[in-house]
Amino acid sequence: MPEDTVRLKHLTWTEIDVAVADGTDTVVVAVGSVEQHGPHLPLIVDSLAGDELARRIAKRLGDRSNMVTGIHQLSPRLDAIS
């Protein structure tokens, strides 16, 4: 099975429906923040790390038994809150 087939963002709702009917019973949810790390790194570096970890966990669990999705949360700047 191609690796992208475990990522929810690459599937249509009908493909997900078929996957569930075929026995998919686990969703690995990655959670990562979107925040600044200085001028040398992108804002989404934490989310990318979480997404990759979730993909690796899903792959170890087995392609037919799980899917992966991510939640990318924008972290507010504490000094911007007044």
Protein backbone atom coordinates (compact mmCIF):
# COMPACT_ATOMS: atom_id res chain seq x y z
CA MET A 1 0.00 0.00 0.00
CA PRO A 2 1.41 3.43 -0.89
CA GLU A 3 2.51 5.41 2.16
CA ASP A 4 0.15 8.34 1.46
CA THR A 5 -2.85 6.05 1.90
CA VAL A 6 -2.44 6.18 5.67
CA ARG A 7 -2.59 9.97 5.74
CA LEU A 8 -6.13 11.28 6.11
CA LYS A 9 -5.29 14.49 4.27
CA HIS A 10 -4.61 12.50 1.10
CA LEU A 11 -7.88 10.55 1.19
CA THR A 12 -11.43 11.42 0.19
CA TRP A 13 -14.23 10.71 2.65
CA THR A 14 -15.33 7.77 0.49
CA GLU A 15 -11.83 6.25 0.64
CA ILE A 16 -11.88 6.63 4.43
CA ASP A 17 -15.31 4.98 4.52
CA VAL A 18 -13.94 2.01 2.55
CA ALA A 19 -10.83 1.80 4.76
CA VAL A 20 -13.01 1.65 7.89
CA ALA A 21 -15.22 -1.01 6.29
CA ASP A 22 -12.06 -2.96 5.43
CA GLY A 23 -10.91 -2.98 9.06
CA THR A 24 -9.07 0.26 9.71
CA ASP A 25 -9.71 0.90 13.39
CA THR A 26 -7.01 3.31 14.61
CA VAL A 27 -6.19 6.95 13.90
CA VAL A 28 -2.83 8.28 15.09
CA VAL A 29 -3.23 12.00 15.81
CA ALA A 30 -0.13 14.18 15.80
CA VAL A 31 -0.30 17.44 17.73
CA GLY A 32 2.26 20.17 17.20
CA SER A 33 2.44 23.89 17.63
CA VAL A 34 3.14 26.55 15.04
CA GLU A 35 5.48 28.99 16.70
CA GLN A 36 8.64 30.98 16.08
CA HIS A 37 12.06 29.43 16.63
CA GLY A 38 14.19 32.34 15.53
CA PRO A 39 15.16 33.39 12.00
CA HIS A 40 16.71 30.03 11.05
CA LEU A 41 13.72 27.64 11.31
CA PRO A 42 10.20 27.60 9.84
CA LEU A 43 7.19 28.22 12.10
CA ILE A 44 5.83 24.72 11.54
CA VAL A 45 8.92 22.77 12.69
CA ASP A 46 7.19 21.28 15.79
CA SER A 47 4.18 20.18 13.75
CA LEU A 48 6.41 18.58 11.12
CA ALA A 49 8.20 16.59 13.83
CA GLY A 50 4.86 15.43 15.26
CA ASP A 51 3.55 14.50 11.81
CA GLU A 52 6.64 12.41 11.09
CA LEU A 53 6.48 10.65 14.44
CA ALA A 54 2.79 9.82 13.86
CA ARG A 55 3.59 8.49 10.37
CA ARG A 56 6.31 6.23 11.78
CA ILE A 57 4.02 4.95 14.54
CA ALA A 58 1.26 4.23 11.99
CA LYS A 59 3.71 2.40 9.75
CA ARG A 60 4.85 0.20 12.66
CA LEU A 61 1.26 -0.56 13.60
CA GLY A 62 0.57 -1.72 10.03
CA ASP A 63 -0.77 0.04 6.95
CA ARG A 64 -4.22 -1.58 6.98
CA SER A 65 -5.04 -0.96 10.63
CA ASN A 66 -4.60 2.78 11.00
CA MET A 67 -4.56 6.27 9.52
CA VAL A 68 -2.70 9.44 10.43
CA THR A 69 -3.83 13.02 10.84
CA GLY A 70 -2.30 16.11 12.37
CA ILE A 71 -3.49 19.04 14.43
CA HIS A 72 -1.44 22.18 13.92
CA GLN A 73 -2.07 24.73 16.64
CA LEU A 74 -0.92 28.30 16.27
CA SER A 75 0.79 29.34 19.51
CA PRO A 76 0.16 32.97 20.44
CA ARG A 77 3.08 35.19 21.31
CA LEU A 78 2.90 35.71 25.04
CA ASP A 79 4.23 39.25 24.75
CA ALA A 80 1.40 40.10 22.31
CA ILE A 81 -1.30 39.30 24.89
CA SER A 82 -2.34 42.40 26.80
